[in-house]
Amino acid sequence: MDGSCTVASSAITQARARLGAEPLEWLFLRSSETWANESADRHRWRDLALYAVDGTTLRVADSSDNRDHFGGHDSGRHAGGRAHRTSGYPMLRSVALMAVRSHLLAAATFGPYATDERVYARSLWGTVPDRSLVLVDRNYLQAGVLVPLMTAGSERHWITRAKSTTKFASIQHLGPGDDLVEFTVSSEARQKDPTLPTHFDARVISYQRKGYRRRCPARC
């Protein structure tokens, strides 16, 4: 070749279509189960493997099939009384479990945009190993999300920052800014999932950095 020929921008897309999804899925699962979990196991904190979970959204190709399946973002009513408008592209919602120290993905799931990311996160709990600590967003502080993480394995812990509206009852004062507390599980949550307990315990640690207001993470 004389160097004047270049690869068309569509070549990668066409090659990916010929390859199909199964080989890429196998590659991701093999690498995530091996590299990510081995990394988390190797870089432990207080004998706990460290993970984090969070969600994001991605645009996908604008086709009728994708729009029907994934949907899109409704931007709501705009100034001037204009009607609701949806995003220019279909959007999927994705949630990933990541080994904190190496930033390697250990598991991921995705689906329609309208599904709450906490629903996707709960489907990942089966991939979390025992003797681990999972960092989650404060919007995950719900019994229906976190109790299954704790009860499905052994020594599976979570940590998150509590909201200012978070309510709990103190059980025992463990030290300065350190308390064992009890969260009440709402009747609505137990109606949706009868396996949930009426209460669950957690440890609340409050701290304050100079120049900032007091913070209150909850953990279990």
N, C-alpha and C. Protein backbone atom coordinates (compact mmCIF):
# COMPACT_ATOMS: atom_id res chain seq x y z
N MET A 1 0.84 -1.19 0.00
CA MET A 1 0.00 0.00 0.00
C MET A 1 0.87 1.24 0.00
N ASP A 2 0.41 2.31 -0.69
CA ASP A 2 1.21 3.52 -0.78
C ASP A 2 0.90 4.53 0.30
N GLY A 3 0.00 4.18 1.21
CA GLY A 3 -0.33 5.08 2.31
C GLY A 3 -1.45 6.03 2.00
N SER A 4 -1.91 6.04 0.73
CA SER A 4 -2.99 6.95 0.38
C SER A 4 -4.36 6.38 0.72
N CYS A 5 -4.43 5.06 0.97
CA CYS A 5 -5.70 4.41 1.29
C CYS A 5 -5.95 4.48 2.79
N THR A 6 -7.15 4.78 3.19
CA THR A 6 -7.54 4.81 4.60
C THR A 6 -8.74 3.91 4.81
N VAL A 7 -8.94 3.53 6.05
CA VAL A 7 -10.09 2.69 6.38
C VAL A 7 -11.32 3.57 6.52
N ALA A 8 -12.39 3.15 5.88
CA ALA A 8 -13.64 3.92 5.96
C ALA A 8 -14.15 3.94 7.40
N SER A 9 -14.81 5.02 7.80
CA SER A 9 -15.30 5.15 9.16
C SER A 9 -16.35 4.10 9.50
N SER A 10 -16.99 3.56 8.49
CA SER A 10 -18.02 2.55 8.72
C SER A 10 -17.46 1.14 8.86
N ALA A 11 -16.14 0.98 8.64
CA ALA A 11 -15.56 -0.37 8.66
C ALA A 11 -15.67 -1.03 10.03
N ILE A 12 -15.45 -0.26 11.10
CA ILE A 12 -15.51 -0.82 12.45
C ILE A 12 -16.93 -1.26 12.76
N THR A 13 -17.90 -0.43 12.39
CA THR A 13 -19.30 -0.78 12.63
C THR A 13 -19.69 -2.04 11.88
N GLN A 14 -19.25 -2.14 10.63
CA GLN A 14 -19.57 -3.32 9.84
C GLN A 14 -18.89 -4.57 10.39
N ALA A 15 -17.63 -4.43 10.84
CA ALA A 15 -16.93 -5.57 11.41
C ALA A 15 -17.58 -6.02 12.71
N ARG A 16 -18.04 -5.07 13.51
CA ARG A 16 -18.70 -5.40 14.76
C ARG A 16 -20.01 -6.14 14.50
N ALA A 17 -20.74 -5.74 13.47
CA ALA A 17 -21.98 -6.42 13.11
C ALA A 17 -21.71 -7.84 12.66
N ARG A 18 -20.61 -8.04 11.91
CA ARG A 18 -20.28 -9.40 11.46
C ARG A 18 -19.86 -10.28 12.63
N LEU A 19 -19.16 -9.68 13.58
CA LEU A 19 -18.68 -10.45 14.73
C LEU A 19 -19.83 -10.90 15.63
N GLY A 20 -20.80 -10.02 15.84
CA GLY A 20 -21.93 -10.37 16.70
C GLY A 20 -21.64 -10.08 18.16
N ALA A 21 -22.66 -10.25 19.00
CA ALA A 21 -22.57 -9.88 20.40
C ALA A 21 -21.93 -10.96 21.27
N GLU A 22 -22.08 -12.23 20.92
CA GLU A 22 -21.64 -13.30 21.80
C GLU A 22 -20.14 -13.29 22.09
N PRO A 23 -19.26 -13.13 21.09
CA PRO A 23 -17.82 -13.10 21.40
C PRO A 23 -17.44 -11.93 22.31
N LEU A 24 -18.06 -10.77 22.10
CA LEU A 24 -17.75 -9.61 22.93
C LEU A 24 -18.27 -9.82 24.36
N GLU A 25 -19.43 -10.44 24.49
CA GLU A 25 -19.95 -10.73 25.82
C GLU A 25 -19.02 -11.71 26.55
N TRP A 26 -18.57 -12.74 25.85
CA TRP A 26 -17.66 -13.72 26.45
C TRP A 26 -16.37 -13.04 26.90
N LEU A 27 -15.83 -12.15 26.05
CA LEU A 27 -14.58 -11.46 26.37
C LEU A 27 -14.75 -10.58 27.60
N PHE A 28 -15.87 -9.85 27.68
CA PHE A 28 -16.09 -8.97 28.83
C PHE A 28 -16.22 -9.78 30.11
N LEU A 29 -17.04 -10.85 30.07
CA LEU A 29 -17.24 -11.65 31.27
C LEU A 29 -15.93 -12.30 31.72
N ARG A 30 -15.16 -12.81 30.76
CA ARG A 30 -13.90 -13.48 31.12
C ARG A 30 -12.92 -12.49 31.75
N SER A 31 -12.79 -11.31 31.15
CA SER A 31 -11.83 -10.33 31.66
C SER A 31 -12.31 -9.72 32.97
N SER A 32 -13.61 -9.46 33.09
CA SER A 32 -14.12 -8.83 34.31
C SER A 32 -14.03 -9.79 35.49
N GLU A 33 -14.43 -11.04 35.29
CA GLU A 33 -14.42 -12.00 36.37
C GLU A 33 -12.99 -12.31 36.83
N THR A 34 -12.05 -12.24 35.90
CA THR A 34 -10.66 -12.55 36.24
C THR A 34 -9.92 -11.32 36.73
N TRP A 35 -9.79 -10.31 35.88
CA TRP A 35 -8.95 -9.15 36.20
C TRP A 35 -9.55 -8.28 37.30
N ALA A 36 -10.82 -7.93 37.18
CA ALA A 36 -11.42 -7.01 38.15
C ALA A 36 -11.50 -7.62 39.54
N ASN A 37 -12.02 -8.83 39.63
CA ASN A 37 -12.16 -9.46 40.95
C ASN A 37 -10.80 -9.83 41.54
N GLU A 38 -9.87 -10.24 40.71
CA GLU A 38 -8.53 -10.51 41.23
C GLU A 38 -7.89 -9.22 41.75
N SER A 39 -8.12 -8.12 41.06
CA SER A 39 -7.60 -6.83 41.51
C SER A 39 -8.20 -6.44 42.85
N ALA A 40 -9.53 -6.57 42.97
CA ALA A 40 -10.19 -6.22 44.22
C ALA A 40 -9.74 -7.12 45.36
N ASP A 41 -9.50 -8.37 45.06
CA ASP A 41 -9.05 -9.31 46.08
C ASP A 41 -7.61 -9.00 46.52
N ARG A 42 -6.82 -8.49 45.58
CA ARG A 42 -5.41 -8.21 45.88
C ARG A 42 -5.24 -6.91 46.66
N HIS A 43 -6.10 -5.94 46.38
CA HIS A 43 -5.99 -4.63 47.03
C HIS A 43 -7.13 -4.45 48.03
N ARG A 44 -7.07 -5.16 49.11
CA ARG A 44 -8.13 -5.11 50.12
C ARG A 44 -7.90 -3.96 51.11
N TRP A 45 -9.01 -3.52 51.70
CA TRP A 45 -8.97 -2.53 52.77
C TRP A 45 -9.63 -3.15 53.99
N ARG A 46 -8.86 -3.31 55.07
CA ARG A 46 -9.35 -3.96 56.28
C ARG A 46 -9.98 -5.31 55.97
N ASP A 47 -9.30 -6.03 55.08
CA ASP A 47 -9.69 -7.38 54.65
C ASP A 47 -10.96 -7.40 53.83
N LEU A 48 -11.37 -6.25 53.29
CA LEU A 48 -12.57 -6.18 52.45
C LEU A 48 -12.19 -5.78 51.03
N ALA A 49 -12.73 -6.49 50.05
CA ALA A 49 -12.55 -6.12 48.65
C ALA A 49 -13.42 -4.90 48.35
N LEU A 50 -12.84 -3.88 47.70
CA LEU A 50 -13.53 -2.61 47.50
C LEU A 50 -14.15 -2.52 46.10
N TYR A 51 -15.44 -2.21 46.07
CA TYR A 51 -16.16 -2.02 44.81
C TYR A 51 -16.98 -0.74 44.89
N ALA A 52 -17.38 -0.24 43.72
CA ALA A 52 -18.29 0.89 43.64
C ALA A 52 -19.30 0.60 42.54
N VAL A 53 -20.50 1.10 42.71
CA VAL A 53 -21.53 0.90 41.69
C VAL A 53 -22.19 2.24 41.40
N ASP A 54 -22.45 2.49 40.13
CA ASP A 54 -23.12 3.73 39.73
C ASP A 54 -23.72 3.55 38.35
N GLY A 55 -24.62 4.46 38.00
CA GLY A 55 -25.30 4.37 36.72
C GLY A 55 -24.97 5.53 35.82
N THR A 56 -25.27 5.35 34.54
CA THR A 56 -25.07 6.40 33.55
C THR A 56 -26.05 6.16 32.41
N THR A 57 -26.09 7.07 31.46
CA THR A 57 -26.92 6.91 30.27
C THR A 57 -26.07 7.06 29.02
N LEU A 58 -26.46 6.35 27.98
CA LEU A 58 -25.73 6.37 26.72
C LEU A 58 -26.71 6.51 25.55
N ARG A 59 -26.30 7.25 24.54
CA ARG A 59 -27.11 7.32 23.32
C ARG A 59 -26.84 6.08 22.47
N VAL A 60 -27.87 5.61 21.80
CA VAL A 60 -27.72 4.49 20.88
C VAL A 60 -28.23 4.92 19.51
N ALA A 61 -27.98 4.08 18.52
CA ALA A 61 -28.35 4.42 17.14
C ALA A 61 -29.84 4.74 17.05
N ASP A 62 -30.14 5.76 16.28
CA ASP A 62 -31.53 6.22 16.16
C ASP A 62 -32.29 5.36 15.16
N SER A 63 -32.85 4.27 15.68
CA SER A 63 -33.69 3.39 14.87
C SER A 63 -35.01 3.20 15.59
N SER A 64 -36.02 2.78 14.84
CA SER A 64 -37.34 2.59 15.45
C SER A 64 -37.29 1.48 16.49
N ASP A 65 -36.51 0.42 16.25
CA ASP A 65 -36.39 -0.67 17.21
C ASP A 65 -35.76 -0.18 18.52
N ASN A 66 -34.68 0.59 18.39
CA ASN A 66 -34.03 1.12 19.60
C ASN A 66 -34.93 2.09 20.35
N ARG A 67 -35.66 2.92 19.60
CA ARG A 67 -36.54 3.88 20.25
C ARG A 67 -37.67 3.15 20.98
N ASP A 68 -38.21 2.10 20.36
CA ASP A 68 -39.29 1.34 21.00
C ASP A 68 -38.79 0.62 22.25
N HIS A 69 -37.57 0.09 22.19
CA HIS A 69 -37.07 -0.70 23.32
C HIS A 69 -36.48 0.17 24.43
N PHE A 70 -35.58 1.09 24.08
CA PHE A 70 -34.87 1.86 25.09
C PHE A 70 -35.60 3.14 25.50
N GLY A 71 -36.38 3.71 24.58
CA GLY A 71 -37.03 4.98 24.88
C GLY A 71 -36.03 6.11 24.85
N GLY A 72 -36.39 7.21 25.49
CA GLY A 72 -35.51 8.37 25.50
C GLY A 72 -35.85 9.28 26.66
N HIS A 73 -35.07 10.33 26.77
CA HIS A 73 -35.24 11.29 27.87
C HIS A 73 -36.31 12.29 27.50
N ASP A 74 -37.29 12.45 28.40
CA ASP A 74 -38.32 13.46 28.23
C ASP A 74 -37.86 14.73 28.91
N SER A 75 -37.63 15.78 28.13
CA SER A 75 -37.08 17.02 28.68
C SER A 75 -38.13 17.88 29.35
N GLY A 76 -39.39 17.46 29.35
CA GLY A 76 -40.43 18.18 30.07
C GLY A 76 -40.92 19.43 29.34
N ARG A 77 -41.79 20.15 29.98
CA ARG A 77 -42.34 21.36 29.38
C ARG A 77 -41.33 22.50 29.49
N HIS A 78 -41.14 23.18 28.38
CA HIS A 78 -40.14 24.23 28.31
C HIS A 78 -40.77 25.62 28.53
N ALA A 79 -39.90 26.59 28.70
CA ALA A 79 -40.36 27.97 28.86
C ALA A 79 -41.18 28.37 27.64
N GLY A 80 -42.23 29.13 27.89
CA GLY A 80 -43.09 29.55 26.79
C GLY A 80 -44.23 28.59 26.54
N GLY A 81 -44.33 27.54 27.37
CA GLY A 81 -45.47 26.64 27.25
C GLY A 81 -45.35 25.60 26.17
N ARG A 82 -44.15 25.42 25.62
CA ARG A 82 -43.99 24.40 24.59
C ARG A 82 -44.20 23.01 25.18
N ALA A 83 -44.68 22.10 24.37
CA ALA A 83 -45.03 20.77 24.84
C ALA A 83 -43.78 19.95 25.15
N HIS A 84 -43.99 18.79 25.80
CA HIS A 84 -42.90 17.88 26.14
C HIS A 84 -42.17 17.44 24.86
N ARG A 85 -40.87 17.29 24.99
CA ARG A 85 -40.05 16.82 23.88
C ARG A 85 -39.13 15.72 24.37
N THR A 86 -38.89 14.74 23.53
CA THR A 86 -37.99 13.65 23.90
C THR A 86 -36.61 13.89 23.29
N SER A 87 -35.64 13.14 23.75
CA SER A 87 -34.26 13.31 23.29
C SER A 87 -34.14 12.99 21.81
N GLY A 88 -33.12 13.56 21.19
CA GLY A 88 -32.92 13.35 19.77
C GLY A 88 -32.55 11.92 19.41
N TYR A 89 -31.94 11.21 20.36
CA TYR A 89 -31.54 9.82 20.15
C TYR A 89 -32.17 8.94 21.24
N PRO A 90 -32.43 7.67 20.91
CA PRO A 90 -32.82 6.74 21.97
C PRO A 90 -31.70 6.65 23.00
N MET A 91 -32.06 6.41 24.25
CA MET A 91 -31.06 6.37 25.32
C MET A 91 -31.26 5.12 26.16
N LEU A 92 -30.15 4.49 26.50
CA LEU A 92 -30.20 3.34 27.41
C LEU A 92 -29.63 3.76 28.75
N ARG A 93 -30.07 3.05 29.78
CA ARG A 93 -29.53 3.28 31.11
C ARG A 93 -28.64 2.10 31.47
N SER A 94 -27.46 2.39 31.97
CA SER A 94 -26.49 1.35 32.29
C SER A 94 -25.99 1.53 33.71
N VAL A 95 -25.75 0.42 34.41
CA VAL A 95 -25.19 0.44 35.75
C VAL A 95 -24.01 -0.53 35.77
N ALA A 96 -22.90 -0.10 36.35
CA ALA A 96 -21.69 -0.92 36.36
C ALA A 96 -21.16 -1.07 37.78
N LEU A 97 -20.56 -2.23 38.03
CA LEU A 97 -19.86 -2.52 39.29
C LEU A 97 -18.37 -2.49 38.99
N MET A 98 -17.62 -1.67 39.73
CA MET A 98 -16.22 -1.43 39.41
C MET A 98 -15.34 -1.75 40.62
N ALA A 99 -14.18 -2.38 40.35
CA ALA A 99 -13.17 -2.54 41.39
C ALA A 99 -12.53 -1.18 41.63
N VAL A 100 -12.58 -0.68 42.86
CA VAL A 100 -12.21 0.71 43.14
C VAL A 100 -10.75 1.00 42.85
N ARG A 101 -9.84 0.14 43.31
CA ARG A 101 -8.42 0.46 43.19
C ARG A 101 -7.93 0.44 41.74
N SER A 102 -8.41 -0.51 40.94
CA SER A 102 -7.92 -0.65 39.56
C SER A 102 -8.82 0.02 38.53
N HIS A 103 -10.05 0.39 38.92
CA HIS A 103 -11.03 0.97 38.01
C HIS A 103 -11.44 -0.01 36.90
N LEU A 104 -11.32 -1.30 37.15
CA LEU A 104 -11.75 -2.31 36.20
C LEU A 104 -13.20 -2.69 36.46
N LEU A 105 -13.98 -2.86 35.39
CA LEU A 105 -15.38 -3.22 35.54
C LEU A 105 -15.50 -4.70 35.88
N ALA A 106 -16.24 -4.99 36.95
CA ALA A 106 -16.46 -6.37 37.36
C ALA A 106 -17.76 -6.92 36.81
N ALA A 107 -18.74 -6.06 36.57
CA ALA A 107 -20.03 -6.48 36.03
C ALA A 107 -20.76 -5.24 35.53
N ALA A 108 -21.71 -5.45 34.63
CA ALA A 108 -22.48 -4.33 34.10
C ALA A 108 -23.82 -4.85 33.59
N THR A 109 -24.80 -3.99 33.59
CA THR A 109 -26.11 -4.32 33.03
C THR A 109 -26.70 -3.06 32.44
N PHE A 110 -27.62 -3.22 31.52
CA PHE A 110 -28.25 -2.05 30.90
C PHE A 110 -29.61 -2.44 30.36
N GLY A 111 -30.40 -1.43 30.03
CA GLY A 111 -31.73 -1.68 29.49
C GLY A 111 -32.44 -0.37 29.21
N PRO A 112 -33.78 -0.39 29.16
CA PRO A 112 -34.55 0.81 28.84
C PRO A 112 -34.26 1.97 29.78
N TYR A 113 -34.30 3.16 29.24
CA TYR A 113 -33.98 4.37 29.99
C TYR A 113 -34.96 4.59 31.15
N ALA A 114 -36.22 4.20 30.97
CA ALA A 114 -37.24 4.49 31.97
C ALA A 114 -37.07 3.68 33.25
N THR A 115 -36.30 2.61 33.22
CA THR A 115 -36.09 1.78 34.40
C THR A 115 -35.12 2.46 35.36
N ASP A 116 -35.48 2.52 36.62
CA ASP A 116 -34.65 3.16 37.64
C ASP A 116 -33.31 2.43 37.75
N GLU A 117 -32.22 3.17 37.88
CA GLU A 117 -30.90 2.55 37.93
C GLU A 117 -30.73 1.65 39.16
N ARG A 118 -31.49 1.90 40.21
CA ARG A 118 -31.40 1.06 41.39
C ARG A 118 -31.92 -0.35 41.14
N VAL A 119 -32.85 -0.46 40.21
CA VAL A 119 -33.34 -1.79 39.81
C VAL A 119 -32.21 -2.55 39.12
N TYR A 120 -31.49 -1.88 38.23
CA TYR A 120 -30.36 -2.52 37.56
C TYR A 120 -29.26 -2.87 38.56
N ALA A 121 -29.02 -1.97 39.52
CA ALA A 121 -27.96 -2.22 40.51
C ALA A 121 -28.26 -3.48 41.31
N ARG A 122 -29.50 -3.65 41.69
CA ARG A 122 -29.87 -4.83 42.48
C ARG A 122 -29.58 -6.12 41.72
N SER A 123 -29.71 -6.08 40.39
CA SER A 123 -29.44 -7.29 39.61
C SER A 123 -27.96 -7.64 39.58
N LEU A 124 -27.09 -6.71 40.01
CA LEU A 124 -25.64 -6.95 40.02
C LEU A 124 -25.15 -7.54 41.34
N TRP A 125 -26.00 -7.54 42.37
CA TRP A 125 -25.52 -7.97 43.69
C TRP A 125 -25.02 -9.41 43.70
N GLY A 126 -25.56 -10.24 42.83
CA GLY A 126 -25.11 -11.62 42.79
C GLY A 126 -23.66 -11.78 42.37
N THR A 127 -23.09 -10.75 41.75
CA THR A 127 -21.69 -10.81 41.31
C THR A 127 -20.73 -10.27 42.36
N VAL A 128 -21.26 -9.68 43.44
CA VAL A 128 -20.41 -9.13 44.50
C VAL A 128 -19.90 -10.27 45.38
N PRO A 129 -18.59 -10.40 45.56
CA PRO A 129 -18.06 -11.49 46.39
C PRO A 129 -18.27 -11.23 47.87
N ASP A 130 -18.13 -12.27 48.67
CA ASP A 130 -18.18 -12.13 50.12
C ASP A 130 -16.97 -11.33 50.60
N ARG A 131 -17.07 -10.84 51.83
CA ARG A 131 -16.00 -10.04 52.44
C ARG A 131 -15.65 -8.85 51.53
N SER A 132 -16.66 -8.02 51.31
CA SER A 132 -16.48 -6.88 50.42
C SER A 132 -17.20 -5.65 50.96
N LEU A 133 -16.82 -4.50 50.43
CA LEU A 133 -17.44 -3.22 50.77
C LEU A 133 -17.77 -2.51 49.45
N VAL A 134 -19.05 -2.16 49.27
CA VAL A 134 -19.51 -1.53 48.03
C VAL A 134 -19.87 -0.08 48.30
N LEU A 135 -19.26 0.84 47.57
CA LEU A 135 -19.57 2.26 47.67
C LEU A 135 -20.75 2.55 46.74
N VAL A 136 -21.81 3.16 47.29
CA VAL A 136 -23.00 3.43 46.49
C VAL A 136 -23.40 4.90 46.63
N ASP A 137 -24.17 5.37 45.67
CA ASP A 137 -24.70 6.72 45.70
C ASP A 137 -25.75 6.83 46.81
N ARG A 138 -25.93 8.03 47.34
CA ARG A 138 -26.87 8.19 48.46
C ARG A 138 -28.32 7.91 48.07
N ASN A 139 -28.63 7.95 46.78
CA ASN A 139 -29.99 7.60 46.35
C ASN A 139 -30.25 6.10 46.46
N TYR A 140 -29.20 5.32 46.72
CA TYR A 140 -29.35 3.88 46.89
C TYR A 140 -29.72 3.51 48.33
N LEU A 141 -29.83 4.50 49.21
CA LEU A 141 -30.10 4.23 50.62
C LEU A 141 -31.58 3.86 50.79
N GLN A 142 -31.91 2.66 50.34
CA GLN A 142 -33.26 2.12 50.44
C GLN A 142 -33.17 0.65 50.81
N ALA A 143 -34.10 0.19 51.61
CA ALA A 143 -34.08 -1.20 52.05
C ALA A 143 -34.18 -2.16 50.87
N GLY A 144 -35.00 -1.84 49.89
CA GLY A 144 -35.18 -2.73 48.75
C GLY A 144 -33.93 -2.89 47.91
N VAL A 145 -33.00 -1.95 48.04
CA VAL A 145 -31.75 -2.01 47.28
C VAL A 145 -30.63 -2.63 48.12
N LEU A 146 -30.49 -2.19 49.37
CA LEU A 146 -29.32 -2.56 50.16
C LEU A 146 -29.48 -3.82 51.00
N VAL A 147 -30.68 -4.11 51.47
CA VAL A 147 -30.87 -5.33 52.26
C VAL A 147 -30.51 -6.58 51.45
N PRO A 148 -30.94 -6.70 50.17
CA PRO A 148 -30.53 -7.87 49.39
C PRO A 148 -29.02 -7.99 49.24
N LEU A 149 -28.31 -6.86 49.16
CA LEU A 149 -26.85 -6.90 49.08
C LEU A 149 -26.27 -7.51 50.35
N MET A 150 -26.81 -7.13 51.50
CA MET A 150 -26.27 -7.62 52.78
C MET A 150 -26.61 -9.07 53.03
N THR A 151 -27.82 -9.47 52.69
CA THR A 151 -28.32 -10.78 53.11
C THR A 151 -28.02 -11.91 52.13
N ALA A 152 -27.63 -11.58 50.91
CA ALA A 152 -27.42 -12.62 49.90
C ALA A 152 -26.07 -13.30 50.02
N GLY A 153 -25.18 -12.78 50.85
CA GLY A 153 -23.85 -13.35 50.99
C GLY A 153 -23.35 -13.22 52.41
N SER A 154 -22.05 -13.34 52.57
CA SER A 154 -21.43 -13.27 53.89
C SER A 154 -20.49 -12.06 53.95
N GLU A 155 -20.65 -11.23 54.96
CA GLU A 155 -19.80 -10.05 55.16
C GLU A 155 -19.77 -9.16 53.91
N ARG A 156 -20.94 -8.91 53.37
CA ARG A 156 -21.05 -7.97 52.25
C ARG A 156 -21.60 -6.66 52.80
N HIS A 157 -20.75 -5.63 52.76
CA HIS A 157 -21.07 -4.35 53.38
C HIS A 157 -21.27 -3.28 52.31
N TRP A 158 -21.87 -2.18 52.72
CA TRP A 158 -22.05 -1.03 51.83
C TRP A 158 -21.75 0.25 52.61
N ILE A 159 -21.45 1.31 51.89
CA ILE A 159 -21.25 2.62 52.51
C ILE A 159 -21.78 3.68 51.55
N THR A 160 -22.45 4.68 52.11
CA THR A 160 -23.00 5.76 51.31
C THR A 160 -23.12 7.01 52.17
N ARG A 161 -23.29 8.14 51.55
CA ARG A 161 -23.53 9.37 52.28
C ARG A 161 -25.03 9.51 52.50
N ALA A 162 -25.45 9.78 53.72
CA ALA A 162 -26.87 9.91 54.03
C ALA A 162 -27.41 11.26 53.53
N LYS A 163 -28.70 11.28 53.23
CA LYS A 163 -29.35 12.53 52.86
C LYS A 163 -29.67 13.32 54.13
N SER A 164 -29.92 14.59 53.96
CA SER A 164 -30.28 15.43 55.11
C SER A 164 -31.63 15.02 55.68
N THR A 165 -32.46 14.36 54.86
CA THR A 165 -33.79 13.94 55.30
C THR A 165 -33.82 12.50 55.81
N THR A 166 -32.68 11.83 55.82
CA THR A 166 -32.63 10.43 56.26
C THR A 166 -33.00 10.31 57.73
N LYS A 167 -33.91 9.37 58.04
CA LYS A 167 -34.38 9.18 59.41
C LYS A 167 -33.96 7.81 59.93
N PHE A 168 -33.54 7.77 61.17
CA PHE A 168 -33.17 6.51 61.81
C PHE A 168 -33.26 6.69 63.32
N ALA A 169 -33.28 5.57 64.02
CA ALA A 169 -33.33 5.59 65.49
C ALA A 169 -32.02 5.08 66.04
N SER A 170 -31.47 5.78 67.03
CA SER A 170 -30.19 5.40 67.61
C SER A 170 -30.37 4.18 68.51
N ILE A 171 -29.48 3.21 68.36
CA ILE A 171 -29.49 2.01 69.19
C ILE A 171 -28.39 2.07 70.24
N GLN A 172 -27.18 2.45 69.80
CA GLN A 172 -26.05 2.48 70.72
C GLN A 172 -25.03 3.51 70.25
N HIS A 173 -24.52 4.28 71.18
CA HIS A 173 -23.46 5.25 70.88
C HIS A 173 -22.12 4.54 71.01
N LEU A 174 -21.37 4.47 69.90
CA LEU A 174 -20.12 3.73 69.89
C LEU A 174 -18.90 4.59 70.16
N GLY A 175 -19.02 5.88 69.93
CA GLY A 175 -17.89 6.79 70.13
C GLY A 175 -18.22 8.13 69.53
N PRO A 176 -17.30 9.09 69.57
CA PRO A 176 -17.55 10.42 69.00
C PRO A 176 -17.93 10.31 67.51
N GLY A 177 -19.12 10.78 67.16
CA GLY A 177 -19.57 10.75 65.77
C GLY A 177 -19.77 9.35 65.22
N ASP A 178 -19.99 8.37 66.09
CA ASP A 178 -20.07 6.97 65.67
C ASP A 178 -21.23 6.31 66.42
N ASP A 179 -22.29 5.92 65.67
CA ASP A 179 -23.47 5.36 66.31
C ASP A 179 -24.00 4.15 65.54
N LEU A 180 -24.53 3.19 66.28
CA LEU A 180 -25.28 2.08 65.71
C LEU A 180 -26.74 2.50 65.68
N VAL A 181 -27.38 2.43 64.49
CA VAL A 181 -28.74 2.94 64.35
C VAL A 181 -29.64 1.89 63.70
N GLU A 182 -30.92 2.17 63.74
CA GLU A 182 -31.92 1.27 63.16
C GLU A 182 -32.76 2.03 62.14
N PHE A 183 -32.87 1.49 60.94
CA PHE A 183 -33.72 2.05 59.90
C PHE A 183 -35.03 1.27 59.86
N THR A 184 -36.13 1.98 59.74
CA THR A 184 -37.44 1.34 59.60
C THR A 184 -37.75 1.15 58.12
N VAL A 185 -38.16 -0.06 57.75
CA VAL A 185 -38.52 -0.35 56.37
C VAL A 185 -40.00 -0.01 56.19
N SER A 186 -40.32 0.80 55.21
CA SER A 186 -41.69 1.25 55.00
C SER A 186 -42.60 0.10 54.60
N SER A 187 -43.87 0.25 54.90
CA SER A 187 -44.85 -0.77 54.51
C SER A 187 -44.96 -0.88 53.00
N GLU A 188 -44.77 0.25 52.30
CA GLU A 188 -44.82 0.22 50.84
C GLU A 188 -43.69 -0.64 50.27
N ALA A 189 -42.49 -0.52 50.86
CA ALA A 189 -41.37 -1.32 50.40
C ALA A 189 -41.61 -2.80 50.66
N ARG A 190 -42.21 -3.13 51.81
CA ARG A 190 -42.45 -4.54 52.14
C ARG A 190 -43.59 -5.12 51.33
N GLN A 191 -44.50 -4.28 50.87
CA GLN A 191 -45.54 -4.75 49.97
C GLN A 191 -44.94 -5.13 48.61
N LYS A 192 -43.96 -4.34 48.16
CA LYS A 192 -43.31 -4.65 46.90
C LYS A 192 -42.41 -5.88 47.02
N ASP A 193 -41.79 -6.04 48.19
CA ASP A 193 -40.89 -7.16 48.42
C ASP A 193 -41.15 -7.72 49.82
N PRO A 194 -42.00 -8.75 49.91
CA PRO A 194 -42.36 -9.31 51.23
C PRO A 194 -41.18 -9.92 51.98
N THR A 195 -40.06 -10.16 51.31
CA THR A 195 -38.90 -10.75 51.99
C THR A 195 -38.15 -9.73 52.83
N LEU A 196 -38.45 -8.45 52.69
CA LEU A 196 -37.75 -7.42 53.44
C LEU A 196 -38.14 -7.47 54.91
N PRO A 197 -37.20 -7.18 55.81
CA PRO A 197 -37.51 -7.12 57.25
C PRO A 197 -38.24 -5.83 57.59
N THR A 198 -38.75 -5.73 58.80
CA THR A 198 -39.39 -4.49 59.24
C THR A 198 -38.37 -3.43 59.59
N HIS A 199 -37.13 -3.86 59.96
CA HIS A 199 -36.06 -2.94 60.32
C HIS A 199 -34.72 -3.53 59.85
N PHE A 200 -33.72 -2.67 59.71
CA PHE A 200 -32.35 -3.15 59.52
C PHE A 200 -31.40 -2.17 60.18
N ASP A 201 -30.28 -2.69 60.65
CA ASP A 201 -29.30 -1.89 61.39
C ASP A 201 -28.18 -1.41 60.49
N ALA A 202 -27.61 -0.29 60.85
CA ALA A 202 -26.46 0.25 60.13
C ALA A 202 -25.63 1.08 61.10
N ARG A 203 -24.45 1.42 60.68
CA ARG A 203 -23.55 2.26 61.48
C ARG A 203 -23.47 3.62 60.83
N VAL A 204 -23.68 4.66 61.59
CA VAL A 204 -23.64 6.04 61.09
C VAL A 204 -22.44 6.74 61.67
N ILE A 205 -21.61 7.27 60.79
CA ILE A 205 -20.39 7.98 61.20
C ILE A 205 -20.47 9.41 60.66
N SER A 206 -20.44 10.38 61.54
CA SER A 206 -20.47 11.78 61.11
C SER A 206 -19.09 12.39 61.27
N TYR A 207 -18.74 13.31 60.38
CA TYR A 207 -17.45 13.97 60.42
C TYR A 207 -17.57 15.37 59.85
N GLN A 208 -16.61 16.19 60.11
CA GLN A 208 -16.64 17.56 59.63
C GLN A 208 -15.24 18.03 59.27
N ARG A 209 -15.07 18.47 58.03
CA ARG A 209 -13.82 19.07 57.60
C ARG A 209 -13.89 20.57 57.83
N LYS A 210 -12.76 21.14 58.15
CA LYS A 210 -12.71 22.57 58.43
C LYS A 210 -13.23 23.36 57.23
N GLY A 211 -14.20 24.22 57.49
CA GLY A 211 -14.78 25.04 56.44
C GLY A 211 -15.96 24.41 55.74
N TYR A 212 -16.32 23.19 56.13
CA TYR A 212 -17.45 22.49 55.51
C TYR A 212 -18.44 22.08 56.60
N ARG A 213 -19.70 21.87 56.20
CA ARG A 213 -20.69 21.43 57.18
C ARG A 213 -20.49 19.95 57.48
N ARG A 214 -21.06 19.50 58.59
CA ARG A 214 -20.89 18.12 59.05
C ARG A 214 -21.52 17.15 58.05
N ARG A 215 -20.80 16.07 57.75
CA ARG A 215 -21.28 15.04 56.85
C ARG A 215 -21.67 13.79 57.65
N CYS A 216 -22.55 13.00 57.05
CA CYS A 216 -23.06 11.84 57.78
C CYS A 216 -23.20 10.65 56.84
N PRO A 217 -22.15 9.87 56.66
CA PRO A 217 -22.29 8.66 55.88
C PRO A 217 -22.97 7.57 56.71
N ALA A 218 -23.73 6.73 56.04
CA ALA A 218 -24.29 5.54 56.70
C ALA A 218 -23.65 4.32 56.09
N ARG A 219 -23.39 3.32 56.92
CA ARG A 219 -22.75 2.13 56.40
C ARG A 219 -23.25 0.91 57.15
N CYS A 220 -23.07 -0.24 56.53
CA CYS A 220 -23.41 -1.48 57.19
C CYS A 220 -22.39 -2.54 56.80
